[in-house]
């Protein structure tokens, strides 16, 4: 994948930093464990299915809704599964943790007067659980969930709504996200600086063959000290 260079992140030309949460600021191991392991196990137990059969059923439904608002909506999943999805989130809070140097990066951004916004497809209930254990919101100037706007980040409607609520200059804005479809949508909207994450889940190998410049430790994005 493309390499990150000093030229690519010219901090003098960036005013606003838009940051994804899951797999970007926070380790995606939490979400992968919840959706790939805990939910299928509980759903299988509730419906007398093997965990594999439960996973196949759930993943088929996920696939149908991938990249839509429904896909990210915990209310939908609670209704579809008959399970307490927020309760499952609470069970795994020990897995909520920042990715390497994310906290340092957020402090660095704010100290230099840059505006930092959380832009997440996560449902507000998911954000609330994670924030209670990682205090993400306090480190940012504002936090936006796609559910606030009724459109996911994969949609131009999301970026229009973000611009209306938190005006920004796309030519002086950086988005960091682990989702290539989101980065593509942001690029189409005109956001100039786009970066992705090599290893969203610290329990899995780093990804390769990515379409956007990728990093793993947030210190890689900062000027040499």
C-alpha atoms as a PDB file:
ATOM      1  CA  UNK A   1       0.000   0.000   0.000  1.00  0.00           C
ATOM      2  CA  UNK A   2       1.109   3.621  -0.345  1.00  0.00           C
ATOM      3  CA  UNK A   3       3.583   4.818   2.237  1.00  0.00           C
ATOM      4  CA  UNK A   4       2.968   7.731   4.575  1.00  0.00           C
ATOM      5  CA  UNK A   5       5.374  10.617   4.043  1.00  0.00           C
ATOM      6  CA  UNK A   6       5.907  13.971   5.720  1.00  0.00           C
ATOM      7  CA  UNK A   7       4.689  15.557   2.515  1.00  0.00           C
ATOM      8  CA  UNK A   8       1.388  13.712   2.804  1.00  0.00           C
ATOM      9  CA  UNK A   9       0.594  15.014   6.279  1.00  0.00           C
ATOM     10  CA  UNK A  10       1.555  18.653   6.158  1.00  0.00           C
ATOM     11  CA  UNK A  11       0.180  19.705   9.516  1.00  0.00           C
ATOM     12  CA  UNK A  12       0.422  23.368   8.514  1.00  0.00           C
ATOM     13  CA  UNK A  13      -2.284  22.679   5.937  1.00  0.00           C
ATOM     14  CA  UNK A  14      -4.659  20.735   8.204  1.00  0.00           C
ATOM     15  CA  UNK A  15      -7.180  22.467  10.457  1.00  0.00           C
ATOM     16  CA  UNK A  16      -9.662  19.676  11.145  1.00  0.00           C
ATOM     17  CA  UNK A  17      -9.004  16.034  11.979  1.00  0.00           C
ATOM     18  CA  UNK A  18     -11.910  13.605  11.642  1.00  0.00           C
ATOM     19  CA  UNK A  19     -11.391  10.375  13.531  1.00  0.00           C
ATOM     20  CA  UNK A  20     -13.208   7.073  13.349  1.00  0.00           C
ATOM     21  CA  UNK A  21     -13.551   5.194  16.631  1.00  0.00           C
ATOM     22  CA  UNK A  22     -13.673   1.392  16.245  1.00  0.00           C
ATOM     23  CA  UNK A  23     -10.525   0.056  14.625  1.00  0.00           C
ATOM     24  CA  UNK A  24      -8.987   3.528  14.455  1.00  0.00           C
ATOM     25  CA  UNK A  25      -8.805   5.126  17.904  1.00  0.00           C
ATOM     26  CA  UNK A  26      -9.937   1.941  19.686  1.00  0.00           C
ATOM     27  CA  UNK A  27      -8.822  -1.649  19.159  1.00  0.00           C
ATOM     28  CA  UNK A  28     -11.323  -3.485  16.948  1.00  0.00           C
ATOM     29  CA  UNK A  29     -10.702  -6.664  18.966  1.00  0.00           C
ATOM     30  CA  UNK A  30     -13.611  -5.603  21.204  1.00  0.00           C
ATOM     31  CA  UNK A  31     -16.104  -5.405  18.341  1.00  0.00           C
ATOM     32  CA  UNK A  32     -14.813  -8.497  16.569  1.00  0.00           C
ATOM     33  CA  UNK A  33     -15.147 -10.511  19.779  1.00  0.00           C
ATOM     34  CA  UNK A  34     -18.657  -9.214  20.375  1.00  0.00           C
ATOM     35  CA  UNK A  35     -20.080  -9.756  16.897  1.00  0.00           C
ATOM     36  CA  UNK A  36     -18.066 -12.816  15.807  1.00  0.00           C
ATOM     37  CA  UNK A  37     -17.978 -14.775  19.063  1.00  0.00           C
ATOM     38  CA  UNK A  38     -20.195 -13.596  21.917  1.00  0.00           C
ATOM     39  CA  UNK A  39     -23.311 -12.792  19.874  1.00  0.00           C
ATOM     40  CA  UNK A  40     -23.336 -16.083  17.896  1.00  0.00           C
ATOM     41  CA  UNK A  41     -22.774 -18.049  21.115  1.00  0.00           C
ATOM     42  CA  UNK A  42     -25.668 -16.344  22.913  1.00  0.00           C
ATOM     43  CA  UNK A  43     -27.944 -16.420  19.881  1.00  0.00           C
ATOM     44  CA  UNK A  44     -27.235 -20.106  19.358  1.00  0.00           C
ATOM     45  CA  UNK A  45     -27.963 -20.867  23.014  1.00  0.00           C
ATOM     46  CA  UNK A  46     -31.230 -18.914  22.858  1.00  0.00           C
ATOM     47  CA  UNK A  47     -32.425 -20.617  19.661  1.00  0.00           C
ATOM     48  CA  UNK A  48     -30.999 -24.111  20.152  1.00  0.00           C
ATOM     49  CA  UNK A  49     -28.503 -23.714  17.315  1.00  0.00           C
ATOM     50  CA  UNK A  50     -24.826 -24.597  17.157  1.00  0.00           C
ATOM     51  CA  UNK A  51     -22.559 -21.573  17.366  1.00  0.00           C
ATOM     52  CA  UNK A  52     -21.542 -22.123  13.731  1.00  0.00           C
ATOM     53  CA  UNK A  53     -25.166 -22.283  12.565  1.00  0.00           C
ATOM     54  CA  UNK A  54     -25.973 -19.172  14.580  1.00  0.00           C
ATOM     55  CA  UNK A  55     -22.967 -17.359  13.113  1.00  0.00           C
ATOM     56  CA  UNK A  56     -23.974 -18.330   9.552  1.00  0.00           C
ATOM     57  CA  UNK A  57     -27.504 -17.032  10.126  1.00  0.00           C
ATOM     58  CA  UNK A  58     -26.334 -13.781  11.711  1.00  0.00           C
ATOM     59  CA  UNK A  59     -23.620 -13.132   9.141  1.00  0.00           C
ATOM     60  CA  UNK A  60     -26.078 -13.674   6.294  1.00  0.00           C
ATOM     61  CA  UNK A  61     -28.274 -10.948   7.772  1.00  0.00           C
ATOM     62  CA  UNK A  62     -25.272  -8.675   8.321  1.00  0.00           C
ATOM     63  CA  UNK A  63     -24.198  -9.159   4.725  1.00  0.00           C
ATOM     64  CA  UNK A  64     -27.615  -8.032   3.460  1.00  0.00           C
ATOM     65  CA  UNK A  65     -27.341  -4.758   5.363  1.00  0.00           C
ATOM     66  CA  UNK A  66     -23.582  -4.106   5.165  1.00  0.00           C
ATOM     67  CA  UNK A  67     -22.723  -0.411   4.916  1.00  0.00           C
ATOM     68  CA  UNK A  68     -26.272   0.755   5.705  1.00  0.00           C
ATOM     69  CA  UNK A  69     -27.617   2.515   8.770  1.00  0.00           C
ATOM     70  CA  UNK A  70     -29.424  -0.696   9.761  1.00  0.00           C
ATOM     71  CA  UNK A  71     -26.118  -2.583   9.861  1.00  0.00           C
ATOM     72  CA  UNK A  72     -24.825  -0.229  12.559  1.00  0.00           C
ATOM     73  CA  UNK A  73     -28.052   0.049  14.573  1.00  0.00           C
ATOM     74  CA  UNK A  74     -28.053  -1.763  17.923  1.00  0.00           C
ATOM     75  CA  UNK A  75     -31.832  -1.392  18.182  1.00  0.00           C
ATOM     76  CA  UNK A  76     -32.169  -3.357  14.958  1.00  0.00           C
ATOM     77  CA  UNK A  77     -29.887  -6.117  16.225  1.00  0.00           C
ATOM     78  CA  UNK A  78     -31.722  -6.327  19.543  1.00  0.00           C
ATOM     79  CA  UNK A  79     -35.002  -6.720  17.661  1.00  0.00           C
ATOM     80  CA  UNK A  80     -33.584  -9.224  15.160  1.00  0.00           C
ATOM     81  CA  UNK A  81     -31.883 -11.435  17.775  1.00  0.00           C
ATOM     82  CA  UNK A  82     -34.165 -10.939  20.768  1.00  0.00           C
ATOM     83  CA  UNK A  83     -31.022 -10.357  22.858  1.00  0.00           C
ATOM     84  CA  UNK A  84     -29.845  -7.492  25.053  1.00  0.00           C
ATOM     85  CA  UNK A  85     -27.182  -6.167  22.678  1.00  0.00           C
ATOM     86  CA  UNK A  86     -26.162  -3.297  24.956  1.00  0.00           C
ATOM     87  CA  UNK A  87     -25.801  -5.820  27.786  1.00  0.00           C
ATOM     88  CA  UNK A  88     -23.406  -7.838  25.613  1.00  0.00           C
ATOM     89  CA  UNK A  89     -21.396  -4.666  25.077  1.00  0.00           C
ATOM     90  CA  UNK A  90     -21.159  -4.192  28.842  1.00  0.00           C
ATOM     91  CA  UNK A  91     -19.879  -7.739  29.335  1.00  0.00           C
ATOM     92  CA  UNK A  92     -16.803  -7.092  27.207  1.00  0.00           C
ATOM     93  CA  UNK A  93     -15.708  -3.717  28.550  1.00  0.00           C
ATOM     94  CA  UNK A  94     -12.379  -5.179  29.670  1.00  0.00           C
ATOM     95  CA  UNK A  95     -11.483  -5.333  25.971  1.00  0.00           C
ATOM     96  CA  UNK A  96     -12.041  -1.607  25.371  1.00  0.00           C
ATOM     97  CA  UNK A  97      -8.612  -0.083  24.782  1.00  0.00           C
ATOM     98  CA  UNK A  98      -6.881   2.509  22.653  1.00  0.00           C
ATOM     99  CA  UNK A  99      -4.768   1.595  19.663  1.00  0.00           C
ATOM    100  CA  UNK A 100      -1.037   2.422  19.909  1.00  0.00           C
ATOM    101  CA  UNK A 101      -0.340   6.062  20.827  1.00  0.00           C
ATOM    102  CA  UNK A 102      -3.923   7.156  20.071  1.00  0.00           C
ATOM    103  CA  UNK A 103      -4.203   9.088  23.331  1.00  0.00           C
ATOM    104  CA  UNK A 104      -0.869  10.803  22.714  1.00  0.00           C
ATOM    105  CA  UNK A 105      -2.035  11.738  19.219  1.00  0.00           C
ATOM    106  CA  UNK A 106      -5.280  13.260  20.487  1.00  0.00           C
ATOM    107  CA  UNK A 107      -3.395  15.309  23.082  1.00  0.00           C
ATOM    108  CA  UNK A 108      -0.915  16.453  20.410  1.00  0.00           C
ATOM    109  CA  UNK A 109      -3.706  17.522  18.037  1.00  0.00           C
ATOM    110  CA  UNK A 110      -5.513  19.557  20.661  1.00  0.00           C
ATOM    111  CA  UNK A 111      -2.327  21.145  21.965  1.00  0.00           C
ATOM    112  CA  UNK A 112      -1.663  22.507  18.476  1.00  0.00           C
ATOM    113  CA  UNK A 113      -5.078  24.071  18.165  1.00  0.00           C
ATOM    114  CA  UNK A 114      -6.386  21.642  15.587  1.00  0.00           C
ATOM    115  CA  UNK A 115     -10.050  20.749  15.751  1.00  0.00           C
ATOM    116  CA  UNK A 116     -10.616  17.026  16.337  1.00  0.00           C
ATOM    117  CA  UNK A 117     -14.015  15.423  15.744  1.00  0.00           C
ATOM    118  CA  UNK A 118     -15.108  11.868  16.374  1.00  0.00           C
ATOM    119  CA  UNK A 119     -17.090  10.632  13.377  1.00  0.00           C
ATOM    120  CA  UNK A 120     -18.335   7.120  13.951  1.00  0.00           C
ATOM    121  CA  UNK A 121     -20.853   4.698  12.493  1.00  0.00           C
ATOM    122  CA  UNK A 122     -21.199   3.275  15.986  1.00  0.00           C
ATOM    123  CA  UNK A 123     -24.617   3.517  17.595  1.00  0.00           C
ATOM    124  CA  UNK A 124     -24.851   6.014  20.469  1.00  0.00           C
ATOM    125  CA  UNK A 125     -25.336   3.152  22.968  1.00  0.00           C
ATOM    126  CA  UNK A 126     -22.078   1.552  21.798  1.00  0.00           C
ATOM    127  CA  UNK A 127     -20.294   4.903  21.999  1.00  0.00           C
ATOM    128  CA  UNK A 128     -21.662   5.432  25.522  1.00  0.00           C
ATOM    129  CA  UNK A 129     -20.348   2.061  26.764  1.00  0.00           C
ATOM    130  CA  UNK A 130     -16.914   2.559  25.211  1.00  0.00           C
ATOM    131  CA  UNK A 131     -16.652   6.178  26.313  1.00  0.00           C
ATOM    132  CA  UNK A 132     -17.371   5.203  29.923  1.00  0.00           C
ATOM    133  CA  UNK A 133     -14.209   3.088  29.844  1.00  0.00           C
ATOM    134  CA  UNK A 134     -11.923   5.031  27.493  1.00  0.00           C
ATOM    135  CA  UNK A 135     -13.100   8.661  27.887  1.00  0.00           C
ATOM    136  CA  UNK A 136     -12.867   9.263  24.145  1.00  0.00           C
ATOM    137  CA  UNK A 137     -15.356  12.123  23.994  1.00  0.00           C
ATOM    138  CA  UNK A 138     -13.493  14.279  26.519  1.00  0.00           C
ATOM    139  CA  UNK A 139     -10.424  14.280  24.263  1.00  0.00           C
ATOM    140  CA  UNK A 140     -12.316  15.633  21.244  1.00  0.00           C
ATOM    141  CA  UNK A 141     -14.069  18.846  20.273  1.00  0.00           C
ATOM    142  CA  UNK A 142     -17.257  17.078  19.217  1.00  0.00           C
ATOM    143  CA  UNK A 143     -18.585  13.586  18.647  1.00  0.00           C
ATOM    144  CA  UNK A 144     -20.888  12.560  15.837  1.00  0.00           C
ATOM    145  CA  UNK A 145     -22.630   9.224  15.321  1.00  0.00           C
ATOM    146  CA  UNK A 146     -24.061   8.463  11.885  1.00  0.00           C
ATOM    147  CA  UNK A 147     -27.318   7.719  13.703  1.00  0.00           C
ATOM    148  CA  UNK A 148     -27.555  11.423  14.556  1.00  0.00           C
ATOM    149  CA  UNK A 149     -27.951  12.103  10.826  1.00  0.00           C
ATOM    150  CA  UNK A 150     -29.849   9.030   9.703  1.00  0.00           C
ATOM    151  CA  UNK A 151     -27.118   8.174   7.197  1.00  0.00           C
ATOM    152  CA  UNK A 152     -23.894   6.151   7.468  1.00  0.00           C
ATOM    153  CA  UNK A 153     -20.468   7.554   6.621  1.00  0.00           C
ATOM    154  CA  UNK A 154     -20.569   5.563   3.363  1.00  0.00           C
ATOM    155  CA  UNK A 155     -23.255   8.020   2.170  1.00  0.00           C
ATOM    156  CA  UNK A 156     -22.783  11.572   0.863  1.00  0.00           C
ATOM    157  CA  UNK A 157     -25.782  12.520   3.022  1.00  0.00           C
ATOM    158  CA  UNK A 158     -23.630  11.971   6.108  1.00  0.00           C
ATOM    159  CA  UNK A 159     -20.944  14.390   4.927  1.00  0.00           C
ATOM    160  CA  UNK A 160     -23.533  17.000   3.941  1.00  0.00           C
ATOM    161  CA  UNK A 161     -25.042  16.763   7.437  1.00  0.00           C
ATOM    162  CA  UNK A 162     -21.618  16.929   9.104  1.00  0.00           C
ATOM    163  CA  UNK A 163     -20.764  20.037   7.085  1.00  0.00           C
ATOM    164  CA  UNK A 164     -24.049  21.646   8.127  1.00  0.00           C
ATOM    165  CA  UNK A 165     -23.501  20.987  11.835  1.00  0.00           C
ATOM    166  CA  UNK A 166     -19.708  21.325  12.031  1.00  0.00           C
ATOM    167  CA  UNK A 167     -18.548  23.370   9.005  1.00  0.00           C
ATOM    168  CA  UNK A 168     -15.067  22.424   7.779  1.00  0.00           C
ATOM    169  CA  UNK A 169     -12.853  23.065   4.773  1.00  0.00           C
ATOM    170  CA  UNK A 170     -12.490  19.691   3.001  1.00  0.00           C
ATOM    171  CA  UNK A 171      -9.187  20.819   1.468  1.00  0.00           C
ATOM    172  CA  UNK A 172      -7.768  21.350   4.982  1.00  0.00           C
ATOM    173  CA  UNK A 173      -9.250  18.249   6.589  1.00  0.00           C
ATOM    174  CA  UNK A 174      -7.759  14.849   7.469  1.00  0.00           C
ATOM    175  CA  UNK A 175      -9.914  11.739   7.907  1.00  0.00           C
ATOM    176  CA  UNK A 176      -8.479   8.629   9.567  1.00  0.00           C
ATOM    177  CA  UNK A 177     -10.674   5.536   9.183  1.00  0.00           C
ATOM    178  CA  UNK A 178     -10.181   1.774   8.865  1.00  0.00           C
ATOM    179  CA  UNK A 179     -13.072   1.407   6.384  1.00  0.00           C
ATOM    180  CA  UNK A 180     -12.116   1.835   2.704  1.00  0.00           C
ATOM    181  CA  UNK A 181     -15.723   2.496   1.647  1.00  0.00           C
ATOM    182  CA  UNK A 182     -15.928   5.371   4.112  1.00  0.00           C
ATOM    183  CA  UNK A 183     -12.612   6.797   2.918  1.00  0.00           C
ATOM    184  CA  UNK A 184     -13.825   6.592  -0.663  1.00  0.00           C
ATOM    185  CA  UNK A 185     -17.046   8.437   0.193  1.00  0.00           C
ATOM    186  CA  UNK A 186     -15.067  11.128   2.034  1.00  0.00           C
ATOM    187  CA  UNK A 187     -12.704  11.495  -0.911  1.00  0.00           C
ATOM    188  CA  UNK A 188     -15.669  11.915  -3.245  1.00  0.00           C
ATOM    189  CA  UNK A 189     -16.960  14.615  -0.920  1.00  0.00           C
ATOM    190  CA  UNK A 190     -13.665  16.441  -1.337  1.00  0.00           C
ATOM    191  CA  UNK A 191     -11.778  15.628   1.863  1.00  0.00           C
ATOM    192  CA  UNK A 192      -8.158  15.919   0.851  1.00  0.00           C
ATOM    193  CA  UNK A 193      -6.179  13.939   3.410  1.00  0.00           C
ATOM    194  CA  UNK A 194      -7.197  10.298   3.835  1.00  0.00           C
ATOM    195  CA  UNK A 195      -5.377   7.711   5.949  1.00  0.00           C
ATOM    196  CA  UNK A 196      -6.208   4.191   7.024  1.00  0.00           C
ATOM    197  CA  UNK A 197      -5.106   1.748   9.707  1.00  0.00           C
ATOM    198  CA  UNK A 198      -2.927  -1.271   9.014  1.00  0.00           C
ATOM    199  CA  UNK A 199      -4.017  -3.290  12.052  1.00  0.00           C
ATOM    200  CA  UNK A 200      -7.497  -2.296  13.293  1.00  0.00           C
ATOM    201  CA  UNK A 201      -7.672  -5.441  15.482  1.00  0.00           C
ATOM    202  CA  UNK A 202      -4.472  -5.805  17.488  1.00  0.00           C
ATOM    203  CA  UNK A 203      -5.244  -9.513  17.884  1.00  0.00           C
ATOM    204  CA  UNK A 204      -5.055 -10.087  14.132  1.00  0.00           C
ATOM    205  CA  UNK A 205      -2.243  -9.602  11.606  1.00  0.00           C
ATOM    206  CA  UNK A 206      -1.810  -6.250   9.899  1.00  0.00           C
ATOM    207  CA  UNK A 207      -3.694  -5.893   6.619  1.00  0.00           C
ATOM    208  CA  UNK A 208      -1.905  -5.418   3.325  1.00  0.00           C
ATOM    209  CA  UNK A 209      -3.006  -4.453  -0.167  1.00  0.00           C
ATOM    210  CA  UNK A 210      -4.802  -1.388   1.166  1.00  0.00           C
ATOM    211  CA  UNK A 211      -5.951   1.401  -1.139  1.00  0.00           C
ATOM    212  CA  UNK A 212      -4.975   4.251   1.183  1.00  0.00           C
ATOM    213  CA  UNK A 213      -1.757   5.107   3.021  1.00  0.00           C
ATOM    214  CA  UNK A 214      -1.722   3.044   6.210  1.00  0.00           C
ATOM    215  CA  UNK A 215      -0.070   3.319   9.614  1.00  0.00           C
ATOM    216  CA  UNK A 216      -0.215   1.369  12.843  1.00  0.00           C
ATOM    217  CA  UNK A 217       1.136   3.559  15.643  1.00  0.00           C
ATOM    218  CA  UNK A 218      -0.221   7.113  15.750  1.00  0.00           C
ATOM    219  CA  UNK A 219       3.272   8.444  16.460  1.00  0.00           C
ATOM    220  CA  UNK A 220       4.044   7.658  12.822  1.00  0.00           C
ATOM    221  CA  UNK A 221       1.806  10.595  11.889  1.00  0.00           C
ATOM    222  CA  UNK A 222       3.570  13.168  14.045  1.00  0.00           C
ATOM    223  CA  UNK A 223       6.617  15.249  13.132  1.00  0.00           C
ATOM    224  CA  UNK A 224       9.915  13.922  14.470  1.00  0.00           C
ATOM    225  CA  UNK A 225      10.358  15.248  17.988  1.00  0.00           C
END
